[in-house]
Amino acid sequence: MTDLTGARWRKSTRSGGNGGNCVEIADNLPGIVGIRDTKDPGGPTLTFDPSDWTVFVTALTSGTLHR
């Protein structure tokens, strides 16, 4: 299990403002990017290597990866 102590969570800029499908991202820890559901901050998290996260976000924003 990855230690996310010290993670500074921020709401994704792509999350809606109506309390619906929102995610939070923590990208302040060395070597890891954490993702969690805003509605369940104590729940499970996904973790990514920063370079893998960059590839994912680039593919998503360029339209290569469809939502």
PDB file of N, CA and C in Angstrom:
ATOM      1  N   MET A   1       0.845  -1.183   0.000  1.00  0.00           N
ATOM      2  CA  MET A   1       0.000   0.000   0.000  1.00  0.00           C
ATOM      3  C   MET A   1       0.891   1.247   0.000  1.00  0.00           C
ATOM      4  N   THR A   2       0.527   2.208  -0.790  1.00  0.00           N
ATOM      5  CA  THR A   2       1.303   3.430  -0.919  1.00  0.00           C
ATOM      6  C   THR A   2       0.958   4.405   0.193  1.00  0.00           C
ATOM      7  N   ASP A   3       1.985   5.011   0.777  1.00  0.00           N
ATOM      8  CA  ASP A   3       1.791   5.992   1.847  1.00  0.00           C
ATOM      9  C   ASP A   3       1.495   7.358   1.228  1.00  0.00           C
ATOM     10  N   LEU A   4       0.278   7.838   1.427  1.00  0.00           N
ATOM     11  CA  LEU A   4      -0.111   9.147   0.884  1.00  0.00           C
ATOM     12  C   LEU A   4      -0.146  10.224   1.974  1.00  0.00           C
ATOM     13  N   THR A   5       0.518   9.941   3.099  1.00  0.00           N
ATOM     14  CA  THR A   5       0.635  10.943   4.159  1.00  0.00           C
ATOM     15  C   THR A   5       1.347  12.167   3.579  1.00  0.00           C
ATOM     16  N   GLY A   6       0.812  13.306   3.819  1.00  0.00           N
ATOM     17  CA  GLY A   6       1.403  14.542   3.297  1.00  0.00           C
ATOM     18  C   GLY A   6       0.872  14.946   1.936  1.00  0.00           C
ATOM     19  N   ALA A   7      -0.014  14.134   1.381  1.00  0.00           N
ATOM     20  CA  ALA A   7      -0.593  14.485   0.076  1.00  0.00           C
ATOM     21  C   ALA A   7      -1.443  15.748   0.223  1.00  0.00           C
ATOM     22  N   ARG A   8      -1.278  16.661  -0.712  1.00  0.00           N
ATOM     23  CA  ARG A   8      -2.125  17.860  -0.774  1.00  0.00           C
ATOM     24  C   ARG A   8      -3.102  17.637  -1.920  1.00  0.00           C
ATOM     25  N   TRP A   9      -4.343  17.383  -1.559  1.00  0.00           N
ATOM     26  CA  TRP A   9      -5.380  17.056  -2.531  1.00  0.00           C
ATOM     27  C   TRP A   9      -6.003  18.325  -3.086  1.00  0.00           C
ATOM     28  N   ARG A  10      -6.266  18.326  -4.373  1.00  0.00           N
ATOM     29  CA  ARG A  10      -6.963  19.438  -5.030  1.00  0.00           C
ATOM     30  C   ARG A  10      -7.995  18.848  -5.974  1.00  0.00           C
ATOM     31  N   LYS A  11      -9.077  19.549  -6.120  1.00  0.00           N
ATOM     32  CA  LYS A  11     -10.138  19.098  -7.018  1.00  0.00           C
ATOM     33  C   LYS A  11      -9.686  19.283  -8.461  1.00  0.00           C
ATOM     34  N   SER A  12      -9.937  18.297  -9.271  1.00  0.00           N
ATOM     35  CA  SER A  12      -9.582  18.365 -10.674  1.00  0.00           C
ATOM     36  C   SER A  12     -10.304  19.530 -11.347  1.00  0.00           C
ATOM     37  N   THR A  13      -9.620  20.206 -12.238  1.00  0.00           N
ATOM     38  CA  THR A  13     -10.238  21.310 -12.976  1.00  0.00           C
ATOM     39  C   THR A  13     -11.324  20.800 -13.917  1.00  0.00           C
ATOM     40  N   ARG A  14     -11.329  19.511 -14.211  1.00  0.00           N
ATOM     41  CA  ARG A  14     -12.330  18.922 -15.094  1.00  0.00           C
ATOM     42  C   ARG A  14     -13.554  18.421 -14.342  1.00  0.00           C
ATOM     43  N   SER A  15     -13.523  18.481 -13.018  1.00  0.00           N
ATOM     44  CA  SER A  15     -14.659  18.042 -12.219  1.00  0.00           C
ATOM     45  C   SER A  15     -15.778  19.065 -12.290  1.00  0.00           C
ATOM     46  N   GLY A  16     -16.990  18.589 -12.266  1.00  0.00           N
ATOM     47  CA  GLY A  16     -18.143  19.476 -12.292  1.00  0.00           C
ATOM     48  C   GLY A  16     -18.312  20.193 -10.962  1.00  0.00           C
ATOM     49  N   GLY A  17     -18.999  21.300 -10.975  1.00  0.00           N
ATOM     50  CA  GLY A  17     -19.216  22.071  -9.770  1.00  0.00           C
ATOM     51  C   GLY A  17     -20.499  21.725  -9.047  1.00  0.00           C
ATOM     52  N   ASN A  18     -21.218  20.708  -9.507  1.00  0.00           N
ATOM     53  CA  ASN A  18     -22.518  20.404  -8.928  1.00  0.00           C
ATOM     54  C   ASN A  18     -22.479  19.249  -7.925  1.00  0.00           C
ATOM     55  N   GLY A  19     -21.289  18.867  -7.468  1.00  0.00           N
ATOM     56  CA  GLY A  19     -21.185  17.787  -6.491  1.00  0.00           C
ATOM     57  C   GLY A  19     -21.344  16.404  -7.095  1.00  0.00           C
ATOM     58  N   GLY A  20     -21.252  16.304  -8.393  1.00  0.00           N
ATOM     59  CA  GLY A  20     -21.431  15.020  -9.065  1.00  0.00           C
ATOM     60  C   GLY A  20     -20.144  14.231  -9.170  1.00  0.00           C
ATOM     61  N   ASN A  21     -19.719  13.997 -10.379  1.00  0.00           N
ATOM     62  CA  ASN A  21     -18.538  13.180 -10.639  1.00  0.00           C
ATOM     63  C   ASN A  21     -17.269  13.994 -10.457  1.00  0.00           C
ATOM     64  N   CYS A  22     -16.739  13.978  -9.248  1.00  0.00           N
ATOM     65  CA  CYS A  22     -15.563  14.784  -8.947  1.00  0.00           C
ATOM     66  C   CYS A  22     -14.415  13.902  -8.475  1.00  0.00           C
ATOM     67  N   VAL A  23     -13.224  14.261  -8.900  1.00  0.00           N
ATOM     68  CA  VAL A  23     -12.026  13.588  -8.416  1.00  0.00           C
ATOM     69  C   VAL A  23     -11.065  14.617  -7.869  1.00  0.00           C
ATOM     70  N   GLU A  24     -10.217  14.154  -6.960  1.00  0.00           N
ATOM     71  CA  GLU A  24      -9.158  14.981  -6.416  1.00  0.00           C
ATOM     72  C   GLU A  24      -7.822  14.357  -6.799  1.00  0.00           C
ATOM     73  N   ILE A  25      -6.844  15.213  -7.007  1.00  0.00           N
ATOM     74  CA  ILE A  25      -5.520  14.798  -7.438  1.00  0.00           C
ATOM     75  C   ILE A  25      -4.501  15.309  -6.428  1.00  0.00           C
ATOM     76  N   ALA A  26      -3.559  14.467  -6.080  1.00  0.00           N
ATOM     77  CA  ALA A  26      -2.423  14.876  -5.252  1.00  0.00           C
ATOM     78  C   ALA A  26      -1.168  14.620  -6.075  1.00  0.00           C
ATOM     79  N   ASP A  27      -0.506  15.695  -6.482  1.00  0.00           N
ATOM     80  CA  ASP A  27       0.698  15.540  -7.297  1.00  0.00           C
ATOM     81  C   ASP A  27       1.915  16.185  -6.649  1.00  0.00           C
ATOM     82  N   ASN A  28       1.868  16.336  -5.319  1.00  0.00           N
ATOM     83  CA  ASN A  28       2.969  16.960  -4.609  1.00  0.00           C
ATOM     84  C   ASN A  28       3.966  15.962  -4.015  1.00  0.00           C
ATOM     85  N   LEU A  29       3.670  14.678  -4.102  1.00  0.00           N
ATOM     86  CA  LEU A  29       4.564  13.677  -3.520  1.00  0.00           C
ATOM     87  C   LEU A  29       5.572  13.197  -4.566  1.00  0.00           C
ATOM     88  N   PRO A  30       6.811  12.988  -4.165  1.00  0.00           N
ATOM     89  CA  PRO A  30       7.809  12.542  -5.145  1.00  0.00           C
ATOM     90  C   PRO A  30       7.508  11.138  -5.666  1.00  0.00           C
ATOM     91  N   GLY A  31       7.497  11.007  -6.980  1.00  0.00           N
ATOM     92  CA  GLY A  31       7.361   9.708  -7.607  1.00  0.00           C
ATOM     93  C   GLY A  31       5.974   9.109  -7.654  1.00  0.00           C
ATOM     94  N   ILE A  32       4.947   9.903  -7.314  1.00  0.00           N
ATOM     95  CA  ILE A  32       3.595   9.343  -7.295  1.00  0.00           C
ATOM     96  C   ILE A  32       2.547  10.425  -7.526  1.00  0.00           C
ATOM     97  N   VAL A  33       1.480  10.060  -8.210  1.00  0.00           N
ATOM     98  CA  VAL A  33       0.298  10.914  -8.363  1.00  0.00           C
ATOM     99  C   VAL A  33      -0.872  10.116  -7.808  1.00  0.00           C
ATOM    100  N   GLY A  34      -1.602  10.711  -6.871  1.00  0.00           N
ATOM    101  CA  GLY A  34      -2.748  10.045  -6.269  1.00  0.00           C
ATOM    102  C   GLY A  34      -4.051  10.610  -6.798  1.00  0.00           C
ATOM    103  N   ILE A  35      -5.038   9.752  -6.944  1.00  0.00           N
ATOM    104  CA  ILE A  35      -6.366  10.138  -7.420  1.00  0.00           C
ATOM    105  C   ILE A  35      -7.387   9.527  -6.466  1.00  0.00           C
ATOM    106  N   ARG A  36      -8.404  10.322  -6.084  1.00  0.00           N
ATOM    107  CA  ARG A  36      -9.464   9.792  -5.218  1.00  0.00           C
ATOM    108  C   ARG A  36     -10.788  10.470  -5.529  1.00  0.00           C
ATOM    109  N   ASP A  37     -11.861   9.853  -5.074  1.00  0.00           N
ATOM    110  CA  ASP A  37     -13.212  10.379  -5.242  1.00  0.00           C
ATOM    111  C   ASP A  37     -13.439  11.468  -4.197  1.00  0.00           C
ATOM    112  N   THR A  38     -13.852  12.638  -4.631  1.00  0.00           N
ATOM    113  CA  THR A  38     -14.094  13.756  -3.726  1.00  0.00           C
ATOM    114  C   THR A  38     -15.129  13.413  -2.663  1.00  0.00           C
ATOM    115  N   LYS A  39     -16.130  12.631  -3.038  1.00  0.00           N
ATOM    116  CA  LYS A  39     -17.201  12.290  -2.100  1.00  0.00           C
ATOM    117  C   LYS A  39     -16.775  11.261  -1.059  1.00  0.00           C
ATOM    118  N   ASP A  40     -15.628  10.605  -1.262  1.00  0.00           N
ATOM    119  CA  ASP A  40     -15.167   9.560  -0.339  1.00  0.00           C
ATOM    120  C   ASP A  40     -13.668   9.715  -0.085  1.00  0.00           C
ATOM    121  N   PRO A  41     -13.268  10.805   0.574  1.00  0.00           N
ATOM    122  CA  PRO A  41     -11.836  11.067   0.760  1.00  0.00           C
ATOM    123  C   PRO A  41     -11.100  10.005   1.577  1.00  0.00           C
ATOM    124  N   GLY A  42     -11.817   9.247   2.384  1.00  0.00           N
ATOM    125  CA  GLY A  42     -11.189   8.182   3.146  1.00  0.00           C
ATOM    126  C   GLY A  42     -11.214   6.845   2.437  1.00  0.00           C
ATOM    127  N   GLY A  43     -11.799   6.828   1.260  1.00  0.00           N
ATOM    128  CA  GLY A  43     -11.946   5.588   0.510  1.00  0.00           C
ATOM    129  C   GLY A  43     -10.701   5.239  -0.286  1.00  0.00           C
ATOM    130  N   PRO A  44     -10.859   4.333  -1.227  1.00  0.00           N
ATOM    131  CA  PRO A  44      -9.705   3.876  -2.008  1.00  0.00           C
ATOM    132  C   PRO A  44      -9.142   4.975  -2.896  1.00  0.00           C
ATOM    133  N   THR A  45      -7.877   4.837  -3.222  1.00  0.00           N
ATOM    134  CA  THR A  45      -7.203   5.765  -4.127  1.00  0.00           C
ATOM    135  C   THR A  45      -6.541   4.978  -5.248  1.00  0.00           C
ATOM    136  N   LEU A  46      -6.343   5.652  -6.338  1.00  0.00           N
ATOM    137  CA  LEU A  46      -5.531   5.122  -7.423  1.00  0.00           C
ATOM    138  C   LEU A  46      -4.206   5.864  -7.381  1.00  0.00           C
ATOM    139  N   THR A  47      -3.130   5.190  -7.692  1.00  0.00           N
ATOM    140  CA  THR A  47      -1.833   5.851  -7.751  1.00  0.00           C
ATOM    141  C   THR A  47      -1.168   5.555  -9.086  1.00  0.00           C
ATOM    142  N   PHE A  48      -0.448   6.546  -9.565  1.00  0.00           N
ATOM    143  CA  PHE A  48       0.218   6.452 -10.853  1.00  0.00           C
ATOM    144  C   PHE A  48       1.646   6.962 -10.735  1.00  0.00           C
ATOM    145  N   ASP A  49       2.507   6.424 -11.555  1.00  0.00           N
ATOM    146  CA  ASP A  49       3.824   6.995 -11.759  1.00  0.00           C
ATOM    147  C   ASP A  49       3.606   8.334 -12.485  1.00  0.00           C
ATOM    148  N   PRO A  50       4.316   9.395 -12.126  1.00  0.00           N
ATOM    149  CA  PRO A  50       4.070  10.692 -12.784  1.00  0.00           C
ATOM    150  C   PRO A  50       4.171  10.654 -14.310  1.00  0.00           C
ATOM    151  N   SER A  51       5.104   9.893 -14.850  1.00  0.00           N
ATOM    152  CA  SER A  51       5.210   9.848 -16.318  1.00  0.00           C
ATOM    153  C   SER A  51       4.008   9.125 -16.928  1.00  0.00           C
ATOM    154  N   ASP A  52       3.515   8.082 -16.277  1.00  0.00           N
ATOM    155  CA  ASP A  52       2.312   7.401 -16.762  1.00  0.00           C
ATOM    156  C   ASP A  52       1.098   8.317 -16.682  1.00  0.00           C
ATOM    157  N   TRP A  53       1.003   9.106 -15.615  1.00  0.00           N
ATOM    158  CA  TRP A  53      -0.098  10.049 -15.459  1.00  0.00           C
ATOM    159  C   TRP A  53      -0.071  11.088 -16.579  1.00  0.00           C
ATOM    160  N   THR A  54       1.124  11.575 -16.918  1.00  0.00           N
ATOM    161  CA  THR A  54       1.271  12.557 -17.991  1.00  0.00           C
ATOM    162  C   THR A  54       0.817  11.966 -19.324  1.00  0.00           C
ATOM    163  N   VAL A  55       1.189  10.724 -19.602  1.00  0.00           N
ATOM    164  CA  VAL A  55       0.759  10.062 -20.837  1.00  0.00           C
ATOM    165  C   VAL A  55      -0.763   9.942 -20.861  1.00  0.00           C
ATOM    166  N   PHE A  56      -1.364   9.540 -19.748  1.00  0.00           N
ATOM    167  CA  PHE A  56      -2.820   9.399 -19.655  1.00  0.00           C
ATOM    168  C   PHE A  56      -3.521  10.738 -19.906  1.00  0.00           C
ATOM    169  N   VAL A  57      -3.097  11.787 -19.209  1.00  0.00           N
ATOM    170  CA  VAL A  57      -3.740  13.099 -19.351  1.00  0.00           C
ATOM    171  C   VAL A  57      -3.554  13.636 -20.771  1.00  0.00           C
ATOM    172  N   THR A  58      -2.382  13.462 -21.344  1.00  0.00           N
ATOM    173  CA  THR A  58      -2.126  13.915 -22.712  1.00  0.00           C
ATOM    174  C   THR A  58      -3.040  13.191 -23.702  1.00  0.00           C
ATOM    175  N   ALA A  59      -3.175  11.888 -23.545  1.00  0.00           N
ATOM    176  CA  ALA A  59      -4.060  11.113 -24.427  1.00  0.00           C
ATOM    177  C   ALA A  59      -5.507  11.541 -24.258  1.00  0.00           C
ATOM    178  N   LEU A  60      -5.907  11.794 -23.037  1.00  0.00           N
ATOM    179  CA  LEU A  60      -7.285  12.214 -22.767  1.00  0.00           C
ATOM    180  C   LEU A  60      -7.581  13.582 -23.368  1.00  0.00           C
ATOM    181  N   THR A  61      -6.685  14.529 -23.166  1.00  0.00           N
ATOM    182  CA  THR A  61      -6.937  15.885 -23.657  1.00  0.00           C
ATOM    183  C   THR A  61      -6.739  16.032 -25.164  1.00  0.00           C
ATOM    184  N   SER A  62      -5.947  15.149 -25.760  1.00  0.00           N
ATOM    185  CA  SER A  62      -5.723  15.242 -27.211  1.00  0.00           C
ATOM    186  C   SER A  62      -6.809  14.518 -28.010  1.00  0.00           C
ATOM    187  N   GLY A  63      -7.661  13.766 -27.313  1.00  0.00           N
ATOM    188  CA  GLY A  63      -8.715  13.032 -27.999  1.00  0.00           C
ATOM    189  C   GLY A  63      -8.291  11.641 -28.425  1.00  0.00           C
ATOM    190  N   THR A  64      -7.066  11.248 -28.121  1.00  0.00           N
ATOM    191  CA  THR A  64      -6.597   9.909 -28.452  1.00  0.00           C
ATOM    192  C   THR A  64      -7.291   8.865 -27.594  1.00  0.00           C
ATOM    193  N   LEU A  65      -7.574   9.228 -26.359  1.00  0.00           N
ATOM    194  CA  LEU A  65      -8.279   8.360 -25.437  1.00  0.00           C
ATOM    195  C   LEU A  65      -9.648   8.972 -25.200  1.00  0.00           C
ATOM    196  N   HIS A  66     -10.671   8.227 -25.447  1.00  0.00           N
ATOM    197  CA  HIS A  66     -12.029   8.759 -25.318  1.00  0.00           C
ATOM    198  C   HIS A  66     -12.602   8.437 -23.957  1.00  0.00           C
ATOM    199  N   ARG A  67     -13.346   9.391 -23.413  1.00  0.00           N
ATOM    200  CA  ARG A  67     -13.962   9.217 -22.103  1.00  0.00           C
ATOM    201  C   ARG A  67     -15.170   8.345 -22.186  1.00  0.00           C
TER     202      ARG A  67
END
